[in-house]
Amino acid sequence: KRVTSPLQTMAESSDLSFETGHEEMIHDAQLDYYGKRVATASSDRTIKIFELQGKTQKLLAELKDHSGPVWRVAWSHPKHGNLLASCSYDMKVIIWQEFQKNVWRKIYEDASHKASVNSVCWAPHEVGRVLAAASADGTVSVHTFKDNQWQRESFEAHQGGVNSVSWAPAIRTGFLNPQDGGDQQQLMKRMVTGGCDNKVSIWYKNEAKGMWEPQNCLKDNGMAHEGWVRDVAWAPSLGVPGATIASCAEDQKVWIWTENKNGLIEATKKIECKSKPWSVSWSIMGNILAVSEGSNSVTLWKESLDGLWQNLAEMDEGLPKKPETKRGAASPMMG
């Protein structure tokens, strides 16, 4: 199976495609912080890590502890060491660590979810080693490394299942540097989720209660889509006032959510897709949005000066048009 990286394309305006050796479909491919390595997740139950050297690549490691299709992988910020998180249809969340060059070990496994785990996402590095996982059992679990051990908490998020989770920037908009114009209390733990109830939801950690609670700041209670929300992505803020979120769903639409002066976040811009979109991801600067569709294409969008979102480029990966498949829904893995 081949893999193409839209993030590489956003950075260098050229695509990177290569054979991975995976025996079945690839569901995710993520570059590390420096863009030097890529991790791939596949239905063949494995994760592969490649080193990228210009137009060539080298297989560095293969991780095999999952017993079902691996849906997503996520690299931690290098401040917290070389960590890689993965999630699978086998209902597990696994965190791997590179102990020595190209030697990876499983350092944490959570098997508490009751159905497929569809998405994993690391929190901003400022708040510590914190990982969120979204599951088809309707819950989001949050795994925090504290007092030299991993601690788990979870909350009910979406009826029918959670498909995706994405963290908000830790520093509230308007404060680029917590030591310059703000204080450490400006750090927040906040995330957006998308589910099988067609909703987009925002959650925050109520530190006083020690609980995750809904933040009721979305217009129409987050109901803009008319189908399962497949992916959500919170854009980097970089000091720009107001939150910006992208969501995509089975209704073949992408919505851009923006925050108004009153703090209400509403779906303001709609992108119509040619086929069902699988994922949305922002560039590091937060000004370009990549949309991956089921027709093996990636489109890049940027907001123009007049507020319209324009298609910058469309890359056909050259793969045959395949029937679309859905990630694990509400049924746990049998046997």
C-alpha atoms as a PDB file:
ATOM      1  CA  LYS A   1       0.000   0.000   0.000  1.00  0.00           C
ATOM      2  CA  ARG A   2       1.118   3.523  -0.755  1.00  0.00           C
ATOM      3  CA  VAL A   3       0.971   6.553   1.489  1.00  0.00           C
ATOM      4  CA  THR A   4       0.810  10.230   0.544  1.00  0.00           C
ATOM      5  CA  SER A   5       1.240  13.042   3.058  1.00  0.00           C
ATOM      6  CA  PRO A   6      -0.913  16.165   2.606  1.00  0.00           C
ATOM      7  CA  LEU A   7       0.988  17.858   5.458  1.00  0.00           C
ATOM      8  CA  GLN A   8       4.213  17.433   3.520  1.00  0.00           C
ATOM      9  CA  THR A   9       2.440  18.963   0.566  1.00  0.00           C
ATOM     10  CA  MET A  10       1.326  21.981   2.584  1.00  0.00           C
ATOM     11  CA  ALA A  11       4.885  22.551   3.742  1.00  0.00           C
ATOM     12  CA  GLU A  12       6.745  22.032   0.484  1.00  0.00           C
ATOM     13  CA  SER A  13       4.113  22.235  -2.300  1.00  0.00           C
ATOM     14  CA  SER A  14       5.116  18.786  -3.513  1.00  0.00           C
ATOM     15  CA  ASP A  15       3.652  15.441  -2.610  1.00  0.00           C
ATOM     16  CA  LEU A  16       5.497  12.446  -1.218  1.00  0.00           C
ATOM     17  CA  SER A  17       4.283   8.972  -2.118  1.00  0.00           C
ATOM     18  CA  PHE A  18       5.945   5.629  -1.424  1.00  0.00           C
ATOM     19  CA  GLU A  19       5.282   1.937  -0.904  1.00  0.00           C
ATOM     20  CA  THR A  20       4.933   1.035   2.779  1.00  0.00           C
ATOM     21  CA  GLY A  21       4.757  -2.752   2.623  1.00  0.00           C
ATOM     22  CA  HIS A  22       1.487  -2.764   4.591  1.00  0.00           C
ATOM     23  CA  GLU A  23      -0.602  -5.784   3.611  1.00  0.00           C
ATOM     24  CA  GLU A  24      -3.956  -4.003   3.964  1.00  0.00           C
ATOM     25  CA  MET A  25      -5.468  -0.513   3.853  1.00  0.00           C
ATOM     26  CA  ILE A  26      -3.619   2.394   5.480  1.00  0.00           C
ATOM     27  CA  HIS A  27      -5.911   4.488   7.683  1.00  0.00           C
ATOM     28  CA  ASP A  28      -3.517   7.151   8.945  1.00  0.00           C
ATOM     29  CA  ALA A  29      -0.083   8.633   8.289  1.00  0.00           C
ATOM     30  CA  GLN A  30       1.419  11.267  10.599  1.00  0.00           C
ATOM     31  CA  LEU A  31       4.654  13.224  10.415  1.00  0.00           C
ATOM     32  CA  ASP A  32       6.622  13.799  13.606  1.00  0.00           C
ATOM     33  CA  TYR A  33       7.279  17.305  14.950  1.00  0.00           C
ATOM     34  CA  TYR A  34      10.335  17.840  12.754  1.00  0.00           C
ATOM     35  CA  GLY A  35       8.838  16.294   9.622  1.00  0.00           C
ATOM     36  CA  LYS A  36      11.690  13.765   9.460  1.00  0.00           C
ATOM     37  CA  ARG A  37       9.715  10.597  10.252  1.00  0.00           C
ATOM     38  CA  VAL A  38       6.265   9.321   9.370  1.00  0.00           C
ATOM     39  CA  ALA A  39       4.187   6.729  11.246  1.00  0.00           C
ATOM     40  CA  THR A  40       1.541   4.733   9.385  1.00  0.00           C
ATOM     41  CA  ALA A  41      -1.459   2.798  10.754  1.00  0.00           C
ATOM     42  CA  SER A  42      -3.043  -0.078   8.872  1.00  0.00           C
ATOM     43  CA  SER A  43      -5.777  -2.692   8.884  1.00  0.00           C
ATOM     44  CA  ASP A  44      -2.990  -5.283   8.931  1.00  0.00           C
ATOM     45  CA  ARG A  45      -2.771  -4.497  12.703  1.00  0.00           C
ATOM     46  CA  THR A  46       0.672  -2.925  12.463  1.00  0.00           C
ATOM     47  CA  ILE A  47       2.259   0.507  12.767  1.00  0.00           C
ATOM     48  CA  LYS A  48       5.309   1.334  10.683  1.00  0.00           C
ATOM     49  CA  ILE A  49       7.777   4.165  11.221  1.00  0.00           C
ATOM     50  CA  PHE A  50       9.782   5.497   8.271  1.00  0.00           C
ATOM     51  CA  GLU A  51      12.600   7.990   8.040  1.00  0.00           C
ATOM     52  CA  LEU A  52      12.157  10.516   5.242  1.00  0.00           C
ATOM     53  CA  GLN A  53      15.283  11.593   3.340  1.00  0.00           C
ATOM     54  CA  GLY A  54      14.301  13.855   0.475  1.00  0.00           C
ATOM     55  CA  LYS A  55      12.383  11.660  -1.961  1.00  0.00           C
ATOM     56  CA  THR A  56      13.556   8.426  -0.337  1.00  0.00           C
ATOM     57  CA  GLN A  57      12.435   6.674   2.833  1.00  0.00           C
ATOM     58  CA  LYS A  58      13.746   3.965   5.147  1.00  0.00           C
ATOM     59  CA  LEU A  59      11.742   1.620   7.374  1.00  0.00           C
ATOM     60  CA  LEU A  60      12.938   2.154  10.954  1.00  0.00           C
ATOM     61  CA  ALA A  61      10.501   0.120  13.065  1.00  0.00           C
ATOM     62  CA  GLU A  62       7.345  -1.990  12.988  1.00  0.00           C
ATOM     63  CA  LEU A  63       5.036  -2.090  16.030  1.00  0.00           C
ATOM     64  CA  LYS A  64       2.762  -5.105  16.372  1.00  0.00           C
ATOM     65  CA  ASP A  65       0.916  -5.156  19.711  1.00  0.00           C
ATOM     66  CA  HIS A  66      -2.571  -4.374  18.379  1.00  0.00           C
ATOM     67  CA  SER A  67      -4.938  -7.255  17.579  1.00  0.00           C
ATOM     68  CA  GLY A  68      -7.227  -5.336  15.222  1.00  0.00           C
ATOM     69  CA  PRO A  69      -7.074  -2.634  12.542  1.00  0.00           C
ATOM     70  CA  VAL A  70      -5.138   0.424  13.718  1.00  0.00           C
ATOM     71  CA  TRP A  71      -7.120   3.582  12.967  1.00  0.00           C
ATOM     72  CA  ARG A  72      -4.928   6.457  14.126  1.00  0.00           C
ATOM     73  CA  VAL A  73      -1.439   7.335  15.357  1.00  0.00           C
ATOM     74  CA  ALA A  74      -0.236  10.536  17.054  1.00  0.00           C
ATOM     75  CA  TRP A  75       3.259  11.837  17.847  1.00  0.00           C
ATOM     76  CA  SER A  76       3.889  13.673  21.096  1.00  0.00           C
ATOM     77  CA  HIS A  77       5.770  16.966  21.253  1.00  0.00           C
ATOM     78  CA  PRO A  78       9.547  16.296  21.502  1.00  0.00           C
ATOM     79  CA  LYS A  79       9.571  18.114  24.848  1.00  0.00           C
ATOM     80  CA  HIS A  80       8.000  14.963  26.306  1.00  0.00           C
ATOM     81  CA  GLY A  81      10.336  12.492  24.624  1.00  0.00           C
ATOM     82  CA  ASN A  82       9.789  10.338  21.579  1.00  0.00           C
ATOM     83  CA  LEU A  83       6.273   9.043  22.265  1.00  0.00           C
ATOM     84  CA  LEU A  84       3.772   7.650  19.783  1.00  0.00           C
ATOM     85  CA  ALA A  85       0.127   6.888  20.606  1.00  0.00           C
ATOM     86  CA  SER A  86      -2.100   4.515  18.657  1.00  0.00           C
ATOM     87  CA  CYS A  87      -5.701   3.321  18.769  1.00  0.00           C
ATOM     88  CA  SER A  88      -7.447   0.345  17.263  1.00  0.00           C
ATOM     89  CA  TYR A  89     -10.629  -1.597  16.631  1.00  0.00           C
ATOM     90  CA  ASP A  90      -9.305  -3.924  19.367  1.00  0.00           C
ATOM     91  CA  MET A  91     -10.598  -1.323  21.903  1.00  0.00           C
ATOM     92  CA  LYS A  92      -7.072  -0.447  23.061  1.00  0.00           C
ATOM     93  CA  VAL A  93      -5.033   2.711  23.399  1.00  0.00           C
ATOM     94  CA  ILE A  94      -1.265   2.118  23.360  1.00  0.00           C
ATOM     95  CA  ILE A  95       1.591   4.545  24.041  1.00  0.00           C
ATOM     96  CA  TRP A  96       5.004   3.628  22.649  1.00  0.00           C
ATOM     97  CA  GLN A  97       8.373   5.123  23.544  1.00  0.00           C
ATOM     98  CA  GLU A  98      11.646   5.120  21.638  1.00  0.00           C
ATOM     99  CA  PHE A  99      14.119   3.951  24.295  1.00  0.00           C
ATOM    100  CA  GLN A 100      17.103   4.017  21.982  1.00  0.00           C
ATOM    101  CA  LYS A 101      17.495   4.874  18.344  1.00  0.00           C
ATOM    102  CA  ASN A 102      14.790   3.018  16.362  1.00  0.00           C
ATOM    103  CA  VAL A 103      13.994   0.716  19.314  1.00  0.00           C
ATOM    104  CA  TRP A 104      10.387   1.185  20.458  1.00  0.00           C
ATOM    105  CA  ARG A 105       8.622  -0.350  23.462  1.00  0.00           C
ATOM    106  CA  LYS A 106       5.063  -0.276  24.699  1.00  0.00           C
ATOM    107  CA  ILE A 107       5.050   1.732  27.940  1.00  0.00           C
ATOM    108  CA  TYR A 108       1.279   2.025  28.485  1.00  0.00           C
ATOM    109  CA  GLU A 109      -1.839   0.177  27.393  1.00  0.00           C
ATOM    110  CA  ASP A 110      -5.444   1.009  28.195  1.00  0.00           C
ATOM    111  CA  ALA A 111      -8.082  -1.622  27.439  1.00  0.00           C
ATOM    112  CA  SER A 112     -10.981  -0.032  29.344  1.00  0.00           C
ATOM    113  CA  HIS A 113     -13.066   1.054  26.365  1.00  0.00           C
ATOM    114  CA  LYS A 114     -16.015  -1.158  25.421  1.00  0.00           C
ATOM    115  CA  ALA A 115     -15.771  -0.651  21.647  1.00  0.00           C
ATOM    116  CA  SER A 116     -13.402   0.466  18.912  1.00  0.00           C
ATOM    117  CA  VAL A 117     -11.128   3.409  19.776  1.00  0.00           C
ATOM    118  CA  ASN A 118     -11.361   5.668  16.727  1.00  0.00           C
ATOM    119  CA  SER A 119      -9.055   8.604  17.458  1.00  0.00           C
ATOM    120  CA  VAL A 120      -6.139   9.696  19.654  1.00  0.00           C
ATOM    121  CA  CYS A 121      -4.742  13.193  20.107  1.00  0.00           C
ATOM    122  CA  TRP A 122      -2.000  14.629  22.336  1.00  0.00           C
ATOM    123  CA  ALA A 123      -2.753  17.762  24.332  1.00  0.00           C
ATOM    124  CA  PRO A 124      -0.634  20.875  23.782  1.00  0.00           C
ATOM    125  CA  HIS A 125       2.780  20.295  25.353  1.00  0.00           C
ATOM    126  CA  GLU A 126       2.309  23.195  27.774  1.00  0.00           C
ATOM    127  CA  VAL A 127      -0.171  21.177  29.862  1.00  0.00           C
ATOM    128  CA  GLY A 128       2.072  18.104  30.168  1.00  0.00           C
ATOM    129  CA  ARG A 129       1.898  14.532  28.896  1.00  0.00           C
ATOM    130  CA  VAL A 130      -1.838  14.223  28.296  1.00  0.00           C
ATOM    131  CA  LEU A 131      -3.541  12.056  25.665  1.00  0.00           C
ATOM    132  CA  ALA A 132      -7.226  11.993  24.678  1.00  0.00           C
ATOM    133  CA  ALA A 133      -8.891   9.005  23.008  1.00  0.00           C
ATOM    134  CA  ALA A 134     -12.331   8.902  21.345  1.00  0.00           C
ATOM    135  CA  SER A 135     -14.267   5.639  21.283  1.00  0.00           C
ATOM    136  CA  ALA A 136     -17.279   4.096  19.580  1.00  0.00           C
ATOM    137  CA  ASP A 137     -18.590   3.324  23.091  1.00  0.00           C
ATOM    138  CA  GLY A 138     -19.598   6.996  23.311  1.00  0.00           C
ATOM    139  CA  THR A 139     -16.866   8.096  25.715  1.00  0.00           C
ATOM    140  CA  VAL A 140     -13.634  10.062  25.607  1.00  0.00           C
ATOM    141  CA  SER A 141     -10.791   8.916  27.848  1.00  0.00           C
ATOM    142  CA  VAL A 142      -8.019  11.238  29.020  1.00  0.00           C
ATOM    143  CA  HIS A 143      -4.667   9.746  30.031  1.00  0.00           C
ATOM    144  CA  THR A 144      -2.332  11.920  32.093  1.00  0.00           C
ATOM    145  CA  PHE A 145       1.224  11.146  33.172  1.00  0.00           C
ATOM    146  CA  LYS A 146       1.382  12.355  36.768  1.00  0.00           C
ATOM    147  CA  ASP A 147       3.388  11.283  39.815  1.00  0.00           C
ATOM    148  CA  ASN A 148       5.428   8.959  37.609  1.00  0.00           C
ATOM    149  CA  GLN A 149       2.410   6.972  36.383  1.00  0.00           C
ATOM    150  CA  TRP A 150      -0.404   7.159  33.837  1.00  0.00           C
ATOM    151  CA  GLN A 151      -3.796   8.113  35.250  1.00  0.00           C
ATOM    152  CA  ARG A 152      -7.077   7.612  33.373  1.00  0.00           C
ATOM    153  CA  GLU A 153     -10.337   9.534  33.454  1.00  0.00           C
ATOM    154  CA  SER A 154     -13.272   9.446  31.043  1.00  0.00           C
ATOM    155  CA  PHE A 155     -16.581  11.097  30.280  1.00  0.00           C
ATOM    156  CA  GLU A 156     -19.671  10.439  28.156  1.00  0.00           C
ATOM    157  CA  ALA A 157     -19.463  12.514  24.975  1.00  0.00           C
ATOM    158  CA  HIS A 158     -21.731  11.332  22.123  1.00  0.00           C
ATOM    159  CA  GLN A 159     -24.550   8.820  21.924  1.00  0.00           C
ATOM    160  CA  GLY A 160     -23.762   6.183  19.307  1.00  0.00           C
ATOM    161  CA  GLY A 161     -20.022   6.776  19.406  1.00  0.00           C
ATOM    162  CA  VAL A 162     -17.208   9.329  19.203  1.00  0.00           C
ATOM    163  CA  ASN A 163     -15.283   9.456  15.939  1.00  0.00           C
ATOM    164  CA  SER A 164     -12.711  12.170  16.570  1.00  0.00           C
ATOM    165  CA  VAL A 165     -11.110  14.420  19.180  1.00  0.00           C
ATOM    166  CA  SER A 166      -8.884  17.486  18.846  1.00  0.00           C
ATOM    167  CA  TRP A 167      -7.362  19.731  21.532  1.00  0.00           C
ATOM    168  CA  ALA A 168      -7.663  23.487  21.663  1.00  0.00           C
ATOM    169  CA  PRO A 169      -4.499  25.576  21.953  1.00  0.00           C
ATOM    170  CA  ALA A 170      -3.533  25.636  25.643  1.00  0.00           C
ATOM    171  CA  ILE A 171      -2.929  29.367  25.754  1.00  0.00           C
ATOM    172  CA  ARG A 172      -6.054  31.452  25.436  1.00  0.00           C
ATOM    173  CA  THR A 173      -6.191  33.539  22.296  1.00  0.00           C
ATOM    174  CA  GLY A 174      -4.532  36.892  22.745  1.00  0.00           C
ATOM    175  CA  PHE A 175      -1.637  35.513  24.838  1.00  0.00           C
ATOM    176  CA  LEU A 176       1.182  34.258  22.644  1.00  0.00           C
ATOM    177  CA  ASN A 177       3.479  33.938  25.659  1.00  0.00           C
ATOM    178  CA  PRO A 178       2.096  33.151  29.137  1.00  0.00           C
ATOM    179  CA  GLN A 179       4.945  35.132  30.718  1.00  0.00           C
ATOM    180  CA  ASP A 180       4.314  38.162  28.526  1.00  0.00           C
ATOM    181  CA  GLY A 181       0.959  39.752  29.157  1.00  0.00           C
ATOM    182  CA  GLY A 182      -0.684  36.799  30.860  1.00  0.00           C
ATOM    183  CA  ASP A 183      -0.050  34.290  33.602  1.00  0.00           C
ATOM    184  CA  GLN A 184       0.084  30.531  33.924  1.00  0.00           C
ATOM    185  CA  GLN A 185      -3.582  30.428  34.860  1.00  0.00           C
ATOM    186  CA  GLN A 186      -4.373  31.256  31.234  1.00  0.00           C
ATOM    187  CA  LEU A 187      -3.500  27.639  30.334  1.00  0.00           C
ATOM    188  CA  MET A 188      -6.678  25.673  29.588  1.00  0.00           C
ATOM    189  CA  LYS A 189      -7.544  22.057  28.903  1.00  0.00           C
ATOM    190  CA  ARG A 190     -10.201  22.181  26.218  1.00  0.00           C
ATOM    191  CA  MET A 191     -11.117  19.879  23.325  1.00  0.00           C
ATOM    192  CA  VAL A 192     -13.599  19.439  20.502  1.00  0.00           C
ATOM    193  CA  THR A 193     -15.215  16.109  19.590  1.00  0.00           C
ATOM    194  CA  GLY A 194     -17.314  14.800  16.703  1.00  0.00           C
ATOM    195  CA  GLY A 195     -19.780  11.951  16.991  1.00  0.00           C
ATOM    196  CA  CYS A 196     -22.340   9.611  15.482  1.00  0.00           C
ATOM    197  CA  ASP A 197     -25.118  11.861  16.833  1.00  0.00           C
ATOM    198  CA  ASN A 198     -24.166  14.344  14.058  1.00  0.00           C
ATOM    199  CA  LYS A 199     -22.923  16.790  16.705  1.00  0.00           C
ATOM    200  CA  VAL A 200     -19.779  18.784  17.298  1.00  0.00           C
ATOM    201  CA  SER A 201     -19.137  19.334  21.026  1.00  0.00           C
ATOM    202  CA  ILE A 202     -16.635  21.289  23.116  1.00  0.00           C
ATOM    203  CA  TRP A 203     -15.428  20.136  26.536  1.00  0.00           C
ATOM    204  CA  TYR A 204     -13.242  21.694  29.208  1.00  0.00           C
ATOM    205  CA  LYS A 205     -11.573  20.460  32.384  1.00  0.00           C
ATOM    206  CA  ASN A 206     -13.230  21.991  35.436  1.00  0.00           C
ATOM    207  CA  GLU A 207     -10.171  21.912  37.672  1.00  0.00           C
ATOM    208  CA  ALA A 208     -12.180  22.883  40.770  1.00  0.00           C
ATOM    209  CA  LYS A 209     -14.471  19.855  40.387  1.00  0.00           C
ATOM    210  CA  GLY A 210     -11.841  17.630  38.808  1.00  0.00           C
ATOM    211  CA  MET A 211     -14.288  16.812  36.008  1.00  0.00           C
ATOM    212  CA  TRP A 212     -14.675  17.251  32.265  1.00  0.00           C
ATOM    213  CA  GLU A 213     -17.782  19.280  31.445  1.00  0.00           C
ATOM    214  CA  PRO A 214     -19.455  20.512  28.253  1.00  0.00           C
ATOM    215  CA  GLN A 215     -18.698  24.095  27.341  1.00  0.00           C
ATOM    216  CA  ASN A 216     -21.952  25.359  25.912  1.00  0.00           C
ATOM    217  CA  CYS A 217     -20.446  27.839  23.475  1.00  0.00           C
ATOM    218  CA  LEU A 218     -21.535  26.280  20.156  1.00  0.00           C
ATOM    219  CA  LYS A 219     -24.467  27.764  18.278  1.00  0.00           C
ATOM    220  CA  ASP A 220     -27.426  25.396  17.777  1.00  0.00           C
ATOM    221  CA  ASN A 221     -25.778  22.988  20.242  1.00  0.00           C
ATOM    222  CA  GLY A 222     -23.200  22.017  17.626  1.00  0.00           C
ATOM    223  CA  MET A 223     -25.787  20.717  15.156  1.00  0.00           C
ATOM    224  CA  ALA A 224     -24.678  21.851  11.706  1.00  0.00           C
ATOM    225  CA  HIS A 225     -24.131  18.494  10.001  1.00  0.00           C
ATOM    226  CA  GLU A 226     -26.745  16.031   8.739  1.00  0.00           C
ATOM    227  CA  GLY A 227     -24.623  12.901   9.132  1.00  0.00           C
ATOM    228  CA  TRP A 228     -21.989  11.316  11.350  1.00  0.00           C
ATOM    229  CA  VAL A 229     -19.191  13.775  12.112  1.00  0.00           C
ATOM    230  CA  ARG A 230     -16.091  11.905  10.990  1.00  0.00           C
ATOM    231  CA  ASP A 231     -13.352  14.337  12.021  1.00  0.00           C
ATOM    232  CA  VAL A 232     -12.764  17.599  13.864  1.00  0.00           C
ATOM    233  CA  ALA A 233      -9.671  19.802  14.031  1.00  0.00           C
ATOM    234  CA  TRP A 234      -9.036  22.855  16.211  1.00  0.00           C
ATOM    235  CA  ALA A 235      -6.798  25.346  14.409  1.00  0.00           C
ATOM    236  CA  PRO A 236      -3.628  26.722  16.037  1.00  0.00           C
ATOM    237  CA  SER A 237      -4.399  30.214  17.311  1.00  0.00           C
ATOM    238  CA  LEU A 238      -0.979  31.961  17.166  1.00  0.00           C
ATOM    239  CA  GLY A 239      -2.472  34.922  18.983  1.00  0.00           C
ATOM    240  CA  VAL A 240      -5.324  35.497  16.535  1.00  0.00           C
ATOM    241  CA  PRO A 241      -8.465  36.369  18.505  1.00  0.00           C
ATOM    242  CA  GLY A 242     -11.187  33.731  18.612  1.00  0.00           C
ATOM    243  CA  ALA A 243     -11.331  29.991  18.083  1.00  0.00           C
ATOM    244  CA  THR A 244     -11.418  28.332  14.654  1.00  0.00           C
ATOM    245  CA  ILE A 245     -12.539  24.706  14.225  1.00  0.00           C
ATOM    246  CA  ALA A 246     -13.059  22.512  11.155  1.00  0.00           C
ATOM    247  CA  SER A 247     -15.433  19.544  11.026  1.00  0.00           C
ATOM    248  CA  CYS A 248     -16.347  17.081   8.289  1.00  0.00           C
ATOM    249  CA  ALA A 249     -19.183  14.579   8.073  1.00  0.00           C
ATOM    250  CA  GLU A 250     -20.940  11.951   5.998  1.00  0.00           C
ATOM    251  CA  ASP A 251     -23.210  14.658   4.579  1.00  0.00           C
ATOM    252  CA  GLN A 252     -20.251  15.514   2.288  1.00  0.00           C
ATOM    253  CA  LYS A 253     -19.774  18.874   3.958  1.00  0.00           C
ATOM    254  CA  VAL A 254     -16.956  20.597   5.806  1.00  0.00           C
ATOM    255  CA  TRP A 255     -17.914  23.384   8.194  1.00  0.00           C
ATOM    256  CA  ILE A 256     -15.569  26.080   9.478  1.00  0.00           C
ATOM    257  CA  TRP A 257     -16.598  27.194  12.974  1.00  0.00           C
ATOM    258  CA  THR A 258     -15.511  30.626  14.169  1.00  0.00           C
ATOM    259  CA  GLU A 259     -15.902  32.496  17.435  1.00  0.00           C
ATOM    260  CA  ASN A 260     -17.719  35.820  17.477  1.00  0.00           C
ATOM    261  CA  LYS A 261     -17.199  38.759  19.812  1.00  0.00           C
ATOM    262  CA  ASN A 262     -19.651  37.311  22.332  1.00  0.00           C
ATOM    263  CA  GLY A 263     -17.725  34.034  22.642  1.00  0.00           C
ATOM    264  CA  LEU A 264     -20.284  32.039  20.647  1.00  0.00           C
ATOM    265  CA  ILE A 265     -18.718  29.584  18.196  1.00  0.00           C
ATOM    266  CA  GLU A 266     -20.860  29.059  15.099  1.00  0.00           C
ATOM    267  CA  ALA A 267     -20.638  27.283  11.751  1.00  0.00           C
ATOM    268  CA  THR A 268     -19.926  30.196   9.413  1.00  0.00           C
ATOM    269  CA  LYS A 269     -18.367  28.737   6.248  1.00  0.00           C
ATOM    270  CA  LYS A 270     -19.391  25.599   4.348  1.00  0.00           C
ATOM    271  CA  ILE A 271     -17.285  23.587   1.899  1.00  0.00           C
ATOM    272  CA  GLU A 272     -19.118  21.119  -0.343  1.00  0.00           C
ATOM    273  CA  CYS A 273     -17.089  17.961  -1.035  1.00  0.00           C
ATOM    274  CA  LYS A 274     -17.295  15.755  -4.119  1.00  0.00           C
ATOM    275  CA  SER A 275     -17.348  12.629  -1.949  1.00  0.00           C
ATOM    276  CA  LYS A 276     -17.561  11.837   1.758  1.00  0.00           C
ATOM    277  CA  PRO A 277     -14.645  13.477   3.584  1.00  0.00           C
ATOM    278  CA  TRP A 278     -12.589  11.363   5.986  1.00  0.00           C
ATOM    279  CA  SER A 279     -10.409  13.893   7.751  1.00  0.00           C
ATOM    280  CA  VAL A 280      -9.543  17.557   8.198  1.00  0.00           C
ATOM    281  CA  SER A 281      -6.189  18.959   9.327  1.00  0.00           C
ATOM    282  CA  TRP A 282      -4.713  22.439   9.671  1.00  0.00           C
ATOM    283  CA  SER A 283      -1.275  23.654   8.638  1.00  0.00           C
ATOM    284  CA  ILE A 284       1.073  24.692  11.446  1.00  0.00           C
ATOM    285  CA  MET A 285       0.195  28.341  10.871  1.00  0.00           C
ATOM    286  CA  GLY A 286      -3.512  27.523  10.978  1.00  0.00           C
ATOM    287  CA  ASN A 287      -4.265  29.259   7.672  1.00  0.00           C
ATOM    288  CA  ILE A 288      -4.542  26.267   5.311  1.00  0.00           C
ATOM    289  CA  LEU A 289      -6.999  23.402   5.737  1.00  0.00           C
ATOM    290  CA  ALA A 290      -6.432  19.970   4.169  1.00  0.00           C
ATOM    291  CA  VAL A 291      -9.527  17.856   3.489  1.00  0.00           C
ATOM    292  CA  SER A 292      -9.092  14.142   2.712  1.00  0.00           C
ATOM    293  CA  GLU A 293     -11.957  12.569   0.800  1.00  0.00           C
ATOM    294  CA  GLY A 294     -13.021   8.979   0.209  1.00  0.00           C
ATOM    295  CA  SER A 295     -12.259   9.345  -3.497  1.00  0.00           C
ATOM    296  CA  ASN A 296      -8.498   9.212  -2.755  1.00  0.00           C
ATOM    297  CA  SER A 297      -8.071  12.963  -3.099  1.00  0.00           C
ATOM    298  CA  VAL A 298      -6.825  15.738  -0.834  1.00  0.00           C
ATOM    299  CA  THR A 299      -7.955  19.327  -1.300  1.00  0.00           C
ATOM    300  CA  LEU A 300      -6.292  22.377   0.243  1.00  0.00           C
ATOM    301  CA  TRP A 301      -8.353  25.393   1.275  1.00  0.00           C
ATOM    302  CA  LYS A 302      -7.411  28.892   2.337  1.00  0.00           C
ATOM    303  CA  GLU A 303      -9.513  31.861   3.378  1.00  0.00           C
ATOM    304  CA  SER A 304      -9.226  34.789   0.997  1.00  0.00           C
ATOM    305  CA  LEU A 305      -9.266  38.451   1.984  1.00  0.00           C
ATOM    306  CA  ASP A 306     -12.986  38.659   1.211  1.00  0.00           C
ATOM    307  CA  GLY A 307     -13.722  35.813   3.637  1.00  0.00           C
ATOM    308  CA  LEU A 308     -14.346  33.094   1.029  1.00  0.00           C
ATOM    309  CA  TRP A 309     -12.614  29.715   1.280  1.00  0.00           C
ATOM    310  CA  GLN A 310     -10.803  28.841  -1.941  1.00  0.00           C
ATOM    311  CA  ASN A 311      -9.515  25.508  -3.201  1.00  0.00           C
ATOM    312  CA  LEU A 312      -5.743  25.959  -3.569  1.00  0.00           C
ATOM    313  CA  ALA A 313      -4.928  22.630  -5.163  1.00  0.00           C
ATOM    314  CA  GLU A 314      -6.297  19.171  -5.675  1.00  0.00           C
ATOM    315  CA  MET A 315      -4.052  16.139  -5.595  1.00  0.00           C
ATOM    316  CA  ASP A 316      -5.203  12.844  -7.045  1.00  0.00           C
ATOM    317  CA  GLU A 317      -3.210  10.092  -5.379  1.00  0.00           C
ATOM    318  CA  GLY A 318      -3.445   7.959  -8.486  1.00  0.00           C
ATOM    319  CA  LEU A 319      -5.194   5.135  -6.663  1.00  0.00           C
ATOM    320  CA  PRO A 320      -8.212   3.273  -8.034  1.00  0.00           C
ATOM    321  CA  LYS A 321     -11.548   4.543  -6.792  1.00  0.00           C
ATOM    322  CA  LYS A 322     -12.453   2.263  -3.901  1.00  0.00           C
ATOM    323  CA  PRO A 323     -15.767   1.723  -2.158  1.00  0.00           C
ATOM    324  CA  GLU A 324     -15.764   3.618   1.102  1.00  0.00           C
ATOM    325  CA  THR A 325     -15.523   1.781   4.395  1.00  0.00           C
ATOM    326  CA  LYS A 326     -16.487   3.001   7.832  1.00  0.00           C
ATOM    327  CA  ARG A 327     -14.297   2.875  10.891  1.00  0.00           C
ATOM    328  CA  GLY A 328     -15.479   0.733  13.780  1.00  0.00           C
ATOM    329  CA  ALA A 329     -18.870   1.942  14.890  1.00  0.00           C
ATOM    330  CA  ALA A 330     -20.666   0.892  18.037  1.00  0.00           C
ATOM    331  CA  SER A 331     -19.855  -2.825  18.098  1.00  0.00           C
ATOM    332  CA  PRO A 332     -16.845  -4.099  20.056  1.00  0.00           C
ATOM    333  CA  MET A 333     -14.425  -6.514  18.478  1.00  0.00           C
ATOM    334  CA  MET A 334     -15.611 -10.093  18.765  1.00  0.00           C
ATOM    335  CA  GLY A 335     -13.469 -13.099  19.515  1.00  0.00           C
END
